[in-house]
Each structure stands twice: as structure tokens, then as C-alpha cells.
């Protein structure tokens, strides 16, 4: 499905597991709008939002790699938080939900 980048958040933050501090990190969080496109009879293309998508990367990943599968929270420099799970030893992360206060 097509998607458009709607926000790219970069910075330095802190990762926690529950209330326990894990590491200082550099992060990138990318928020996308996912949509479907429908070609109209007159030739125009209509876009319908179908949801959102989020990508997160943490560096250095080794600081959270030992917590594979555990729910962690990134505290971002702008005051927002983002929950995620480290999913692979090569730096894969899966975000849950979207950024929140």
C-alpha cells in the first residue's frame, strides 16, 4: 500500500524498561500515513487514508539488544514517549502505537 512520510523525529533520548533506565540512545522515528488510491471515472486519483505506520531505529542498538522481545519505552527529547520491542540482534525494532505524552 502507498504511504507518505508525515513526521520524521530525530534526537537523543533515554530508553526505559518499565521504570528502570536502560540506556542513552540516538533515535529516528518515522511516522507514515498509509492510504489507498482509487482512479475516478474522470481520471482523477482519490486517496483514502487507511491507517498509519511507524518505523523506529535506535543507536547504539547493542544497548538494548539483550532485551529482545521486551517492551521498552523511548523517552524522546521533545517530551514524547514511544513504546517498542527490540526484535532482532541486527537492530530490528517494532513500535507499538504512536508517540504519546
C-alpha atoms as a PDB file:
ATOM      1  CA  UNK A   1       0.000   0.000   0.000  1.00  0.00           C
ATOM      2  CA  UNK A   2       1.237   3.507  -0.708  1.00  0.00           C
ATOM      3  CA  UNK A   3       2.318   5.646   2.197  1.00  0.00           C
ATOM      4  CA  UNK A   4       3.563   9.177   2.797  1.00  0.00           C
ATOM      5  CA  UNK A   5       6.040  10.333   5.426  1.00  0.00           C
ATOM      6  CA  UNK A   6       4.228  12.762   7.725  1.00  0.00           C
ATOM      7  CA  UNK A   7       6.803  13.200  10.508  1.00  0.00           C
ATOM      8  CA  UNK A   8      10.491  12.392  10.923  1.00  0.00           C
ATOM      9  CA  UNK A   9      11.672  12.690  14.540  1.00  0.00           C
ATOM     10  CA  UNK A  10      15.394  12.537  15.360  1.00  0.00           C
ATOM     11  CA  UNK A  11      17.206  13.138  18.593  1.00  0.00           C
ATOM     12  CA  UNK A  12      18.874  11.853  21.702  1.00  0.00           C
ATOM     13  CA  UNK A  13      16.788  10.092  24.287  1.00  0.00           C
ATOM     14  CA  UNK A  14      16.634   7.553  27.065  1.00  0.00           C
ATOM     15  CA  UNK A  15      15.314   4.007  26.974  1.00  0.00           C
ATOM     16  CA  UNK A  16      13.493   2.506  29.943  1.00  0.00           C
ATOM     17  CA  UNK A  17      12.107  -0.929  30.724  1.00  0.00           C
ATOM     18  CA  UNK A  18       9.203  -0.023  32.967  1.00  0.00           C
ATOM     19  CA  UNK A  19      10.740   2.398  35.497  1.00  0.00           C
ATOM     20  CA  UNK A  20      14.287   1.038  35.065  1.00  0.00           C
ATOM     21  CA  UNK A  21      16.744   3.088  32.984  1.00  0.00           C
ATOM     22  CA  UNK A  22      18.389   1.008  30.230  1.00  0.00           C
ATOM     23  CA  UNK A  23      20.483   3.317  28.029  1.00  0.00           C
ATOM     24  CA  UNK A  24      21.113   6.700  26.455  1.00  0.00           C
ATOM     25  CA  UNK A  25      20.481   6.436  22.706  1.00  0.00           C
ATOM     26  CA  UNK A  26      20.175   8.315  19.446  1.00  0.00           C
ATOM     27  CA  UNK A  27      16.899   7.619  17.660  1.00  0.00           C
ATOM     28  CA  UNK A  28      14.906   8.138  14.486  1.00  0.00           C
ATOM     29  CA  UNK A  29      11.137   7.696  14.496  1.00  0.00           C
ATOM     30  CA  UNK A  30       9.322   7.942  11.154  1.00  0.00           C
ATOM     31  CA  UNK A  31       5.530   8.303  11.053  1.00  0.00           C
ATOM     32  CA  UNK A  32       3.737   7.434   7.814  1.00  0.00           C
ATOM     33  CA  UNK A  33       0.174   7.853   6.599  1.00  0.00           C
ATOM     34  CA  UNK A  34      -0.982   4.741   4.729  1.00  0.00           C
ATOM     35  CA  UNK A  35      -3.637   5.143   2.057  1.00  0.00           C
ATOM     36  CA  UNK A  36      -5.324   3.514  -0.915  1.00  0.00           C
ATOM     37  CA  UNK A  37      -5.614   5.184  -4.282  1.00  0.00           C
ATOM     38  CA  UNK A  38      -8.717   4.930  -6.443  1.00  0.00           C
ATOM     39  CA  UNK A  39      -8.836   6.136 -10.015  1.00  0.00           C
ATOM     40  CA  UNK A  40     -12.041   8.055 -10.629  1.00  0.00           C
ATOM     41  CA  UNK A  41     -14.057   7.916 -13.868  1.00  0.00           C
ATOM     42  CA  UNK A  42     -12.898  11.430 -14.769  1.00  0.00           C
ATOM     43  CA  UNK A  43      -9.233  10.326 -14.480  1.00  0.00           C
ATOM     44  CA  UNK A  44      -8.537  11.953 -11.110  1.00  0.00           C
ATOM     45  CA  UNK A  45      -6.995   9.865  -8.346  1.00  0.00           C
ATOM     46  CA  UNK A  46      -8.639   9.829  -4.931  1.00  0.00           C
ATOM     47  CA  UNK A  47      -6.658   8.928  -1.815  1.00  0.00           C
ATOM     48  CA  UNK A  48      -8.337   7.380   1.216  1.00  0.00           C
ATOM     49  CA  UNK A  49      -6.407   7.167   4.467  1.00  0.00           C
ATOM     50  CA  UNK A  50      -6.430   3.592   5.744  1.00  0.00           C
ATOM     51  CA  UNK A  51      -4.149   3.911   8.733  1.00  0.00           C
ATOM     52  CA  UNK A  52      -0.662   4.698   9.858  1.00  0.00           C
ATOM     53  CA  UNK A  53       2.725   3.074  10.011  1.00  0.00           C
ATOM     54  CA  UNK A  54       5.714   3.777  12.207  1.00  0.00           C
ATOM     55  CA  UNK A  55       9.408   2.881  11.959  1.00  0.00           C
ATOM     56  CA  UNK A  56      11.904   3.264  14.785  1.00  0.00           C
ATOM     57  CA  UNK A  57      15.665   2.892  14.885  1.00  0.00           C
ATOM     58  CA  UNK A  58      17.862   3.057  17.968  1.00  0.00           C
ATOM     59  CA  UNK A  59      21.630   3.570  18.086  1.00  0.00           C
ATOM     60  CA  UNK A  60      23.673   2.015  19.534  1.00  0.00           C
ATOM     61  CA  UNK A  61      21.367  -0.957  19.195  1.00  0.00           C
ATOM     62  CA  UNK A  62      23.674  -3.089  21.344  1.00  0.00           C
ATOM     63  CA  UNK A  63      22.483  -1.101  24.357  1.00  0.00           C
ATOM     64  CA  UNK A  64      19.025  -2.746  24.073  1.00  0.00           C
ATOM     65  CA  UNK A  65      19.827  -5.960  22.115  1.00  0.00           C
ATOM     66  CA  UNK A  66      19.986  -8.036  25.307  1.00  0.00           C
ATOM     67  CA  UNK A  67      16.295  -7.199  25.877  1.00  0.00           C
ATOM     68  CA  UNK A  68      14.926  -8.851  22.714  1.00  0.00           C
ATOM     69  CA  UNK A  69      11.152  -9.209  22.926  1.00  0.00           C
ATOM     70  CA  UNK A  70      10.810  -6.979  25.998  1.00  0.00           C
ATOM     71  CA  UNK A  71       8.580  -3.912  25.861  1.00  0.00           C
ATOM     72  CA  UNK A  72      10.731  -0.796  26.188  1.00  0.00           C
ATOM     73  CA  UNK A  73       9.905   2.901  26.197  1.00  0.00           C
ATOM     74  CA  UNK A  74      11.916   5.556  24.403  1.00  0.00           C
ATOM     75  CA  UNK A  75      11.754   8.946  26.144  1.00  0.00           C
ATOM     76  CA  UNK A  76      12.356  11.427  23.323  1.00  0.00           C
ATOM     77  CA  UNK A  77      13.989  14.835  23.616  1.00  0.00           C
ATOM     78  CA  UNK A  78      10.723  16.638  22.744  1.00  0.00           C
ATOM     79  CA  UNK A  79       8.973  15.127  25.790  1.00  0.00           C
ATOM     80  CA  UNK A  80       7.056  12.437  23.924  1.00  0.00           C
ATOM     81  CA  UNK A  81       7.439   8.691  24.503  1.00  0.00           C
ATOM     82  CA  UNK A  82       7.373   5.739  22.134  1.00  0.00           C
ATOM     83  CA  UNK A  83       6.948   2.089  23.137  1.00  0.00           C
ATOM     84  CA  UNK A  84       8.803  -0.552  21.130  1.00  0.00           C
ATOM     85  CA  UNK A  85      10.170  -4.085  21.151  1.00  0.00           C
ATOM     86  CA  UNK A  86      13.715  -4.972  20.040  1.00  0.00           C
ATOM     87  CA  UNK A  87      13.033  -7.833  17.607  1.00  0.00           C
ATOM     88  CA  UNK A  88      16.394  -8.951  16.229  1.00  0.00           C
ATOM     89  CA  UNK A  89      20.061  -8.876  17.121  1.00  0.00           C
ATOM     90  CA  UNK A  90      20.839  -6.826  14.000  1.00  0.00           C
ATOM     91  CA  UNK A  91      18.902  -3.746  15.134  1.00  0.00           C
ATOM     92  CA  UNK A  92      15.298  -4.507  14.257  1.00  0.00           C
ATOM     93  CA  UNK A  93      12.641  -2.792  16.370  1.00  0.00           C
ATOM     94  CA  UNK A  94       8.859  -2.917  16.242  1.00  0.00           C
ATOM     95  CA  UNK A  95       6.998   0.126  17.501  1.00  0.00           C
ATOM     96  CA  UNK A  96       3.673  -0.165  19.295  1.00  0.00           C
ATOM     97  CA  UNK A  97       1.120   2.579  18.810  1.00  0.00           C
ATOM     98  CA  UNK A  98       2.399   6.056  18.162  1.00  0.00           C
ATOM     99  CA  UNK A  99       4.226   8.729  20.122  1.00  0.00           C
ATOM    100  CA  UNK A 100       2.417   9.902  23.262  1.00  0.00           C
ATOM    101  CA  UNK A 101       2.913  12.326  26.149  1.00  0.00           C
END
